[in-house]
Amino acid sequence: GTPQQLAMSKKERTGTFSVRDGLNASAAVVYEYSKLLV
């Protein structure tokens, strides 16, 4: 599989992933733990 890129912010309490979306595109998935949202 493809490696996942993760950026975590302690101040904002978030985790941001860069994922593949199709063949030549990407998407961002953000976990916002303080708001309990993705």
PDB file of all heavy atoms in Angstrom:
ATOM      1  N   GLY A   1       0.830  -1.198   0.000  1.00  0.00           N
ATOM      2  CA  GLY A   1       0.000   0.000   0.000  1.00  0.00           C
ATOM      3  C   GLY A   1       0.866   1.250   0.000  1.00  0.00           C
ATOM      4  O   GLY A   1       2.093   1.199   0.086  1.00  0.00           O
ATOM      5  N   THR A   2       0.215   2.375  -0.096  1.00  0.00           N
ATOM      6  CA  THR A   2       0.949   3.635  -0.128  1.00  0.00           C
ATOM      7  C   THR A   2       1.139   4.152   1.287  1.00  0.00           C
ATOM      8  O   THR A   2       0.252   4.001   2.134  1.00  0.00           O
ATOM      9  CB  THR A   2       0.180   4.691  -0.950  1.00  0.00           C
ATOM     10  OG1 THR A   2      -1.102   4.860  -0.381  1.00  0.00           O
ATOM     11  CG2 THR A   2       0.066   4.272  -2.395  1.00  0.00           C
ATOM     12  N   PRO A   3       2.284   4.729   1.573  1.00  0.00           N
ATOM     13  CA  PRO A   3       2.490   5.290   2.914  1.00  0.00           C
ATOM     14  C   PRO A   3       1.570   6.482   3.153  1.00  0.00           C
ATOM     15  O   PRO A   3       1.228   7.209   2.227  1.00  0.00           O
ATOM     16  CB  PRO A   3       3.962   5.709   2.909  1.00  0.00           C
ATOM     17  CG  PRO A   3       4.381   5.731   1.493  1.00  0.00           C
ATOM     18  CD  PRO A   3       3.429   4.890   0.706  1.00  0.00           C
ATOM     19  N   GLN A   4       1.165   6.673   4.389  1.00  0.00           N
ATOM     20  CA  GLN A   4       0.272   7.769   4.760  1.00  0.00           C
ATOM     21  C   GLN A   4       1.094   8.899   5.372  1.00  0.00           C
ATOM     22  O   GLN A   4       1.971   8.651   6.190  1.00  0.00           O
ATOM     23  CB  GLN A   4      -0.762   7.293   5.782  1.00  0.00           C
ATOM     24  CG  GLN A   4      -1.629   6.160   5.302  1.00  0.00           C
ATOM     25  CD  GLN A   4      -2.495   6.563   4.126  1.00  0.00           C
ATOM     26  OE1 GLN A   4      -2.961   7.693   4.054  1.00  0.00           O
ATOM     27  NE2 GLN A   4      -2.688   5.641   3.201  1.00  0.00           N
ATOM     28  N   GLN A   5       0.787  10.120   4.987  1.00  0.00           N
ATOM     29  CA  GLN A   5       1.435  11.297   5.552  1.00  0.00           C
ATOM     30  C   GLN A   5       0.564  11.829   6.686  1.00  0.00           C
ATOM     31  O   GLN A   5      -0.636  12.036   6.493  1.00  0.00           O
ATOM     32  CB  GLN A   5       1.603  12.387   4.497  1.00  0.00           C
ATOM     33  CG  GLN A   5       2.436  11.990   3.304  1.00  0.00           C
ATOM     34  CD  GLN A   5       3.896  11.810   3.664  1.00  0.00           C
ATOM     35  OE1 GLN A   5       4.429  12.547   4.474  1.00  0.00           O
ATOM     36  NE2 GLN A   5       4.531  10.823   3.074  1.00  0.00           N
ATOM     37  N   LEU A   6       1.157  12.042   7.858  1.00  0.00           N
ATOM     38  CA  LEU A   6       0.405  12.526   9.015  1.00  0.00           C
ATOM     39  C   LEU A   6       1.050  13.785   9.555  1.00  0.00           C
ATOM     40  O   LEU A   6       2.271  13.858   9.687  1.00  0.00           O
ATOM     41  CB  LEU A   6       0.387  11.460  10.123  1.00  0.00           C
ATOM     42  CG  LEU A   6      -0.079  11.903  11.507  1.00  0.00           C
ATOM     43  CD1 LEU A   6      -1.549  12.277  11.478  1.00  0.00           C
ATOM     44  CD2 LEU A   6       0.181  10.824  12.529  1.00  0.00           C
ATOM     45  N   ALA A   7       0.231  14.794   9.853  1.00  0.00           N
ATOM     46  CA  ALA A   7       0.683  16.007  10.541  1.00  0.00           C
ATOM     47  C   ALA A   7      -0.203  16.169  11.767  1.00  0.00           C
ATOM     48  O   ALA A   7      -1.423  16.201  11.650  1.00  0.00           O
ATOM     49  CB  ALA A   7       0.577  17.225   9.639  1.00  0.00           C
ATOM     50  N   MET A   8       0.410  16.244  12.949  1.00  0.00           N
ATOM     51  CA  MET A   8      -0.357  16.388  14.192  1.00  0.00           C
ATOM     52  C   MET A   8      -0.057  17.736  14.815  1.00  0.00           C
ATOM     53  O   MET A   8       1.091  18.143  14.891  1.00  0.00           O
ATOM     54  CB  MET A   8      -0.002  15.276  15.168  1.00  0.00           C
ATOM     55  CG  MET A   8      -0.474  13.920  14.724  1.00  0.00           C
ATOM     56  SD  MET A   8      -0.157  12.653  15.936  1.00  0.00           S
ATOM     57  CE  MET A   8      -1.279  13.122  17.224  1.00  0.00           C
ATOM     58  N   SER A   9      -1.096  18.405  15.284  1.00  0.00           N
ATOM     59  CA  SER A   9      -0.944  19.682  15.965  1.00  0.00           C
ATOM     60  C   SER A   9      -1.400  19.512  17.401  1.00  0.00           C
ATOM     61  O   SER A   9      -2.573  19.230  17.657  1.00  0.00           O
ATOM     62  CB  SER A   9      -1.777  20.756  15.276  1.00  0.00           C
ATOM     63  OG  SER A   9      -1.826  21.908  16.076  1.00  0.00           O
ATOM     64  N   LYS A  10      -0.467  19.695  18.326  1.00  0.00           N
ATOM     65  CA  LYS A  10      -0.792  19.570  19.744  1.00  0.00           C
ATOM     66  C   LYS A  10      -1.681  20.724  20.197  1.00  0.00           C
ATOM     67  O   LYS A  10      -2.603  20.545  20.981  1.00  0.00           O
ATOM     68  CB  LYS A  10       0.512  19.542  20.543  1.00  0.00           C
ATOM     69  CG  LYS A  10       0.363  19.160  21.979  1.00  0.00           C
ATOM     70  CD  LYS A  10       1.735  19.046  22.619  1.00  0.00           C
ATOM     71  CE  LYS A  10       1.654  18.563  24.043  1.00  0.00           C
ATOM     72  NZ  LYS A  10       2.958  18.449  24.653  1.00  0.00           N
ATOM     73  N   LYS A  11      -1.417  21.915  19.678  1.00  0.00           N
ATOM     74  CA  LYS A  11      -2.179  23.104  20.077  1.00  0.00           C
ATOM     75  C   LYS A  11      -3.627  23.004  19.619  1.00  0.00           C
ATOM     76  O   LYS A  11      -4.553  23.260  20.377  1.00  0.00           O
ATOM     77  CB  LYS A  11      -1.519  24.349  19.497  1.00  0.00           C
ATOM     78  CG  LYS A  11      -2.227  25.634  19.846  1.00  0.00           C
ATOM     79  CD  LYS A  11      -1.524  26.816  19.201  1.00  0.00           C
ATOM     80  CE  LYS A  11      -2.280  28.090  19.443  1.00  0.00           C
ATOM     81  NZ  LYS A  11      -1.749  29.187  18.668  1.00  0.00           N
ATOM     82  N   GLU A  12      -3.844  22.641  18.352  1.00  0.00           N
ATOM     83  CA  GLU A  12      -5.188  22.554  17.793  1.00  0.00           C
ATOM     84  C   GLU A  12      -5.850  21.215  18.103  1.00  0.00           C
ATOM     85  O   GLU A  12      -7.046  21.064  17.870  1.00  0.00           O
ATOM     86  CB  GLU A  12      -5.143  22.745  16.272  1.00  0.00           C
ATOM     87  CG  GLU A  12      -4.647  24.091  15.820  1.00  0.00           C
ATOM     88  CD  GLU A  12      -5.648  25.186  16.078  1.00  0.00           C
ATOM     89  OE1 GLU A  12      -6.859  24.923  16.032  1.00  0.00           O
ATOM     90  OE2 GLU A  12      -5.215  26.314  16.325  1.00  0.00           O
ATOM     91  N   ARG A  13      -5.083  20.251  18.581  1.00  0.00           N
ATOM     92  CA  ARG A  13      -5.571  18.900  18.846  1.00  0.00           C
ATOM     93  C   ARG A  13      -6.174  18.296  17.587  1.00  0.00           C
ATOM     94  O   ARG A  13      -7.328  17.894  17.549  1.00  0.00           O
ATOM     95  CB  ARG A  13      -6.563  18.889  20.006  1.00  0.00           C
ATOM     96  CG  ARG A  13      -5.912  19.325  21.316  1.00  0.00           C
ATOM     97  CD  ARG A  13      -6.816  19.197  22.501  1.00  0.00           C
ATOM     98  NE  ARG A  13      -7.205  17.788  22.680  1.00  0.00           N
ATOM     99  CZ  ARG A  13      -8.381  17.406  23.166  1.00  0.00           C
ATOM    100  NH1 ARG A  13      -9.259  18.286  23.515  1.00  0.00           N
ATOM    101  NH2 ARG A  13      -8.654  16.130  23.301  1.00  0.00           N
ATOM    102  N   THR A  14      -5.351  18.290  16.521  1.00  0.00           N
ATOM    103  CA  THR A  14      -5.791  17.734  15.246  1.00  0.00           C
ATOM    104  C   THR A  14      -4.763  16.757  14.711  1.00  0.00           C
ATOM    105  O   THR A  14      -3.582  16.819  15.060  1.00  0.00           O
ATOM    106  CB  THR A  14      -5.992  18.836  14.188  1.00  0.00           C
ATOM    107  OG1 THR A  14      -4.745  19.482  13.955  1.00  0.00           O
ATOM    108  CG2 THR A  14      -7.042  19.835  14.588  1.00  0.00           C
ATOM    109  N   GLY A  15      -5.234  15.885  13.859  1.00  0.00           N
ATOM    110  CA  GLY A  15      -4.377  14.996  13.080  1.00  0.00           C
ATOM    111  C   GLY A  15      -4.808  15.112  11.640  1.00  0.00           C
ATOM    112  O   GLY A  15      -5.992  14.944  11.326  1.00  0.00           O
ATOM    113  N   THR A  16      -3.888  15.426  10.748  1.00  0.00           N
ATOM    114  CA  THR A  16      -4.212  15.618   9.337  1.00  0.00           C
ATOM    115  C   THR A  16      -3.482  14.575   8.510  1.00  0.00           C
ATOM    116  O   THR A  16      -2.258  14.456   8.608  1.00  0.00           O
ATOM    117  CB  THR A  16      -3.810  17.029   8.865  1.00  0.00           C
ATOM    118  OG1 THR A  16      -4.424  17.989   9.721  1.00  0.00           O
ATOM    119  CG2 THR A  16      -4.227  17.269   7.432  1.00  0.00           C
ATOM    120  N   PHE A  17      -4.251  13.825   7.710  1.00  0.00           N
ATOM    121  CA  PHE A  17      -3.687  12.801   6.838  1.00  0.00           C
ATOM    122  C   PHE A  17      -3.849  13.225   5.393  1.00  0.00           C
ATOM    123  O   PHE A  17      -4.871  13.793   5.015  1.00  0.00           O
ATOM    124  CB  PHE A  17      -4.417  11.463   7.028  1.00  0.00           C
ATOM    125  CG  PHE A  17      -4.154  10.801   8.340  1.00  0.00           C
ATOM    126  CD1 PHE A  17      -4.943  11.082   9.443  1.00  0.00           C
ATOM    127  CD2 PHE A  17      -3.123   9.893   8.472  1.00  0.00           C
ATOM    128  CE1 PHE A  17      -4.710  10.468  10.655  1.00  0.00           C
ATOM    129  CE2 PHE A  17      -2.883   9.260   9.677  1.00  0.00           C
ATOM    130  CZ  PHE A  17      -3.682   9.550  10.780  1.00  0.00           C
ATOM    131  N   SER A  18      -2.867  12.912   4.597  1.00  0.00           N
ATOM    132  CA  SER A  18      -2.971  13.078   3.155  1.00  0.00           C
ATOM    133  C   SER A  18      -3.164  11.682   2.581  1.00  0.00           C
ATOM    134  O   SER A  18      -2.344  10.788   2.799  1.00  0.00           O
ATOM    135  CB  SER A  18      -1.690  13.715   2.611  1.00  0.00           C
ATOM    136  OG  SER A  18      -1.748  13.794   1.217  1.00  0.00           O
ATOM    137  N   VAL A  19      -4.285  11.492   1.862  1.00  0.00           N
ATOM    138  CA  VAL A  19      -4.603  10.176   1.303  1.00  0.00           C
ATOM    139  C   VAL A  19      -4.792  10.295  -0.198  1.00  0.00           C
ATOM    140  O   VAL A  19      -5.051  11.390  -0.718  1.00  0.00           O
ATOM    141  CB  VAL A  19      -5.881   9.583   1.958  1.00  0.00           C
ATOM    142  CG1 VAL A  19      -5.656   9.316   3.430  1.00  0.00           C
ATOM    143  CG2 VAL A  19      -7.086  10.476   1.758  1.00  0.00           C
ATOM    144  N   ARG A  20      -4.681   9.172  -0.884  1.00  0.00           N
ATOM    145  CA  ARG A  20      -4.888   9.158  -2.335  1.00  0.00           C
ATOM    146  C   ARG A  20      -6.385   9.125  -2.622  1.00  0.00           C
ATOM    147  O   ARG A  20      -7.144   8.455  -1.949  1.00  0.00           O
ATOM    148  CB  ARG A  20      -4.196   7.955  -2.957  1.00  0.00           C
ATOM    149  CG  ARG A  20      -2.676   8.059  -2.831  1.00  0.00           C
ATOM    150  CD  ARG A  20      -1.958   6.904  -3.454  1.00  0.00           C
ATOM    151  NE  ARG A  20      -1.877   6.843  -4.903  1.00  0.00           N
ATOM    152  CZ  ARG A  20      -1.345   7.743  -5.711  1.00  0.00           C
ATOM    153  NH1 ARG A  20      -0.876   8.856  -5.211  1.00  0.00           N
ATOM    154  NH2 ARG A  20      -1.271   7.545  -7.000  1.00  0.00           N
ATOM    155  N   ASP A  21      -6.795   9.844  -3.650  1.00  0.00           N
ATOM    156  CA  ASP A  21      -8.189   9.859  -4.072  1.00  0.00           C
ATOM    157  C   ASP A  21      -8.198   9.604  -5.577  1.00  0.00           C
ATOM    158  O   ASP A  21      -8.177  10.534  -6.376  1.00  0.00           O
ATOM    159  CB  ASP A  21      -8.845  11.195  -3.733  1.00  0.00           C
ATOM    160  CG  ASP A  21     -10.328  11.213  -4.096  1.00  0.00           C
ATOM    161  OD1 ASP A  21     -10.952  10.141  -4.109  1.00  0.00           O
ATOM    162  OD2 ASP A  21     -10.844  12.306  -4.360  1.00  0.00           O
ATOM    163  N   GLY A  22      -8.188   8.354  -5.940  1.00  0.00           N
ATOM    164  CA  GLY A  22      -8.129   8.010  -7.349  1.00  0.00           C
ATOM    165  C   GLY A  22      -6.686   7.857  -7.792  1.00  0.00           C
ATOM    166  O   GLY A  22      -5.756   7.723  -6.979  1.00  0.00           O
ATOM    167  N   LEU A  23      -6.508   7.894  -9.101  1.00  0.00           N
ATOM    168  CA  LEU A  23      -5.194   7.617  -9.665  1.00  0.00           C
ATOM    169  C   LEU A  23      -4.198   8.763  -9.479  1.00  0.00           C
ATOM    170  O   LEU A  23      -3.088   8.565  -9.008  1.00  0.00           O
ATOM    171  CB  LEU A  23      -5.364   7.293 -11.155  1.00  0.00           C
ATOM    172  CG  LEU A  23      -4.170   6.669 -11.850  1.00  0.00           C
ATOM    173  CD1 LEU A  23      -3.753   5.385 -11.146  1.00  0.00           C
ATOM    174  CD2 LEU A  23      -4.498   6.399 -13.306  1.00  0.00           C
ATOM    175  N   ASN A  24      -4.608   9.960  -9.832  1.00  0.00           N
ATOM    176  CA  ASN A  24      -3.681  11.093  -9.792  1.00  0.00           C
ATOM    177  C   ASN A  24      -4.165  12.231  -8.901  1.00  0.00           C
ATOM    178  O   ASN A  24      -3.900  13.390  -9.186  1.00  0.00           O
ATOM    179  CB  ASN A  24      -3.456  11.644 -11.204  1.00  0.00           C
ATOM    180  CG  ASN A  24      -2.710  10.676 -12.082  1.00  0.00           C
ATOM    181  OD1 ASN A  24      -1.823   9.980 -11.600  1.00  0.00           O
ATOM    182  ND2 ASN A  24      -3.069  10.605 -13.350  1.00  0.00           N
ATOM    183  N   ALA A  25      -4.874  11.913  -7.859  1.00  0.00           N
ATOM    184  CA  ALA A  25      -5.395  12.968  -6.994  1.00  0.00           C
ATOM    185  C   ALA A  25      -5.182  12.573  -5.531  1.00  0.00           C
ATOM    186  O   ALA A  25      -4.932  11.418  -5.214  1.00  0.00           O
ATOM    187  CB  ALA A  25      -6.872  13.206  -7.265  1.00  0.00           C
ATOM    188  N   SER A  26      -5.290  13.586  -4.687  1.00  0.00           N
ATOM    189  CA  SER A  26      -5.151  13.334  -3.255  1.00  0.00           C
ATOM    190  C   SER A  26      -6.285  14.024  -2.518  1.00  0.00           C
ATOM    191  O   SER A  26      -7.008  14.845  -3.078  1.00  0.00           O
ATOM    192  CB  SER A  26      -3.803  13.827  -2.741  1.00  0.00           C
ATOM    193  OG  SER A  26      -3.726  15.225  -2.878  1.00  0.00           O
ATOM    194  N   ALA A  27      -6.419  13.660  -1.259  1.00  0.00           N
ATOM    195  CA  ALA A  27      -7.439  14.258  -0.399  1.00  0.00           C
ATOM    196  C   ALA A  27      -6.827  14.431   0.978  1.00  0.00           C
ATOM    197  O   ALA A  27      -5.806  13.815   1.305  1.00  0.00           O
ATOM    198  CB  ALA A  27      -8.681  13.369  -0.339  1.00  0.00           C
ATOM    199  N   ALA A  28      -7.455  15.269   1.769  1.00  0.00           N
ATOM    200  CA  ALA A  28      -7.001  15.497   3.144  1.00  0.00           C
ATOM    201  C   ALA A  28      -8.109  15.050   4.093  1.00  0.00           C
ATOM    202  O   ALA A  28      -9.278  15.371   3.893  1.00  0.00           O
ATOM    203  CB  ALA A  28      -6.686  16.962   3.364  1.00  0.00           C
ATOM    204  N   VAL A  29      -7.695  14.307   5.118  1.00  0.00           N
ATOM    205  CA  VAL A  29      -8.613  13.877   6.172  1.00  0.00           C
ATOM    206  C   VAL A  29      -8.112  14.513   7.460  1.00  0.00           C
ATOM    207  O   VAL A  29      -6.958  14.336   7.832  1.00  0.00           O
ATOM    208  CB  VAL A  29      -8.659  12.344   6.310  1.00  0.00           C
ATOM    209  CG1 VAL A  29      -9.573  11.941   7.465  1.00  0.00           C
ATOM    210  CG2 VAL A  29      -9.117  11.704   5.018  1.00  0.00           C
ATOM    211  N   VAL A  30      -8.990  15.269   8.140  1.00  0.00           N
ATOM    212  CA  VAL A  30      -8.614  15.970   9.366  1.00  0.00           C
ATOM    213  C   VAL A  30      -9.447  15.432  10.523  1.00  0.00           C
ATOM    214  O   VAL A  30     -10.673  15.498  10.484  1.00  0.00           O
ATOM    215  CB  VAL A  30      -8.832  17.500   9.231  1.00  0.00           C
ATOM    216  CG1 VAL A  30      -8.483  18.201  10.532  1.00  0.00           C
ATOM    217  CG2 VAL A  30      -8.029  18.058   8.087  1.00  0.00           C
ATOM    218  N   TYR A  31      -8.755  14.916  11.525  1.00  0.00           N
ATOM    219  CA  TYR A  31      -9.411  14.521  12.777  1.00  0.00           C
ATOM    220  C   TYR A  31      -9.277  15.704  13.732  1.00  0.00           C
ATOM    221  O   TYR A  31      -8.159  16.050  14.118  1.00  0.00           O
ATOM    222  CB  TYR A  31      -8.718  13.306  13.402  1.00  0.00           C
ATOM    223  CG  TYR A  31      -8.997  11.988  12.727  1.00  0.00           C
ATOM    224  CD1 TYR A  31      -8.329  11.618  11.585  1.00  0.00           C
ATOM    225  CD2 TYR A  31      -9.925  11.106  13.279  1.00  0.00           C
ATOM    226  CE1 TYR A  31      -8.570  10.390  10.979  1.00  0.00           C
ATOM    227  CE2 TYR A  31     -10.171   9.879  12.689  1.00  0.00           C
ATOM    228  CZ  TYR A  31      -9.491   9.529  11.526  1.00  0.00           C
ATOM    229  OH  TYR A  31      -9.729   8.318  10.948  1.00  0.00           O
ATOM    230  N   GLU A  32     -10.394  16.319  14.098  1.00  0.00           N
ATOM    231  CA  GLU A  32     -10.371  17.408  15.075  1.00  0.00           C
ATOM    232  C   GLU A  32     -10.898  16.859  16.391  1.00  0.00           C
ATOM    233  O   GLU A  32     -12.107  16.771  16.599  1.00  0.00           O
ATOM    234  CB  GLU A  32     -11.191  18.607  14.589  1.00  0.00           C
ATOM    235  CG  GLU A  32     -10.485  19.384  13.508  1.00  0.00           C
ATOM    236  CD  GLU A  32     -11.014  20.788  13.334  1.00  0.00           C
ATOM    237  OE1 GLU A  32     -12.099  21.105  13.831  1.00  0.00           O
ATOM    238  OE2 GLU A  32     -10.306  21.572  12.676  1.00  0.00           O
ATOM    239  N   TYR A  33      -9.961  16.496  17.266  1.00  0.00           N
ATOM    240  CA  TYR A  33     -10.318  15.825  18.512  1.00  0.00           C
ATOM    241  C   TYR A  33     -11.025  16.763  19.485  1.00  0.00           C
ATOM    242  O   TYR A  33     -11.875  16.323  20.257  1.00  0.00           O
ATOM    243  CB  TYR A  33      -9.073  15.226  19.155  1.00  0.00           C
ATOM    244  CG  TYR A  33      -8.385  14.237  18.240  1.00  0.00           C
ATOM    245  CD1 TYR A  33      -7.196  14.559  17.599  1.00  0.00           C
ATOM    246  CD2 TYR A  33      -8.948  13.002  17.985  1.00  0.00           C
ATOM    247  CE1 TYR A  33      -6.583  13.667  16.742  1.00  0.00           C
ATOM    248  CE2 TYR A  33      -8.346  12.095  17.131  1.00  0.00           C
ATOM    249  CZ  TYR A  33      -7.157  12.433  16.504  1.00  0.00           C
ATOM    250  OH  TYR A  33      -6.555  11.549  15.663  1.00  0.00           O
ATOM    251  N   SER A  34     -10.733  18.040  19.449  1.00  0.00           N
ATOM    252  CA  SER A  34     -11.381  18.978  20.372  1.00  0.00           C
ATOM    253  C   SER A  34     -12.853  19.175  20.028  1.00  0.00           C
ATOM    254  O   SER A  34     -13.679  19.417  20.905  1.00  0.00           O
ATOM    255  CB  SER A  34     -10.650  20.315  20.369  1.00  0.00           C
ATOM    256  OG  SER A  34     -10.680  20.878  19.079  1.00  0.00           O
ATOM    257  N   LYS A  35     -13.216  19.094  18.741  1.00  0.00           N
ATOM    258  CA  LYS A  35     -14.605  19.274  18.297  1.00  0.00           C
ATOM    259  C   LYS A  35     -15.303  17.938  18.028  1.00  0.00           C
ATOM    260  O   LYS A  35     -16.480  17.920  17.676  1.00  0.00           O
ATOM    261  CB  LYS A  35     -14.642  20.115  17.013  1.00  0.00           C
ATOM    262  CG  LYS A  35     -14.046  21.496  17.148  1.00  0.00           C
ATOM    263  CD  LYS A  35     -15.062  22.440  17.675  1.00  0.00           C
ATOM    264  CE  LYS A  35     -14.532  23.860  17.581  1.00  0.00           C
ATOM    265  NZ  LYS A  35     -15.525  24.819  17.962  1.00  0.00           N
ATOM    266  N   LEU A  36     -14.549  16.822  18.128  1.00  0.00           N
ATOM    267  CA  LEU A  36     -15.049  15.481  17.812  1.00  0.00           C
ATOM    268  C   LEU A  36     -15.647  15.441  16.408  1.00  0.00           C
ATOM    269  O   LEU A  36     -16.757  14.982  16.179  1.00  0.00           O
ATOM    270  CB  LEU A  36     -16.066  14.999  18.854  1.00  0.00           C
ATOM    271  CG  LEU A  36     -15.484  14.690  20.228  1.00  0.00           C
ATOM    272  CD1 LEU A  36     -16.591  14.342  21.214  1.00  0.00           C
ATOM    273  CD2 LEU A  36     -14.465  13.564  20.157  1.00  0.00           C
ATOM    274  N   LEU A  37     -14.856  15.947  15.439  1.00  0.00           N
ATOM    275  CA  LEU A  37     -15.252  15.969  14.035  1.00  0.00           C
ATOM    276  C   LEU A  37     -14.150  15.364  13.173  1.00  0.00           C
ATOM    277  O   LEU A  37     -12.971  15.423  13.523  1.00  0.00           O
ATOM    278  CB  LEU A  37     -15.495  17.397  13.554  1.00  0.00           C
ATOM    279  CG  LEU A  37     -16.722  18.137  14.068  1.00  0.00           C
ATOM    280  CD1 LEU A  37     -16.696  19.581  13.582  1.00  0.00           C
ATOM    281  CD2 LEU A  37     -17.994  17.457  13.619  1.00  0.00           C
ATOM    282  N   VAL A  38     -14.579  14.824  12.034  1.00  0.00           N
ATOM    283  CA  VAL A  38     -13.632  14.411  11.003  1.00  0.00           C
ATOM    284  C   VAL A  38     -14.052  15.132   9.735  1.00  0.00           C
ATOM    285  O   VAL A  38     -15.233  15.154   9.380  1.00  0.00           O
ATOM    286  CB  VAL A  38     -13.663  12.882  10.754  1.00  0.00           C
ATOM    287  CG1 VAL A  38     -12.690  12.503   9.652  1.00  0.00           C
ATOM    288  CG2 VAL A  38     -13.338  12.126  11.997  1.00  0.00           C
TER     289      VAL A  38
END
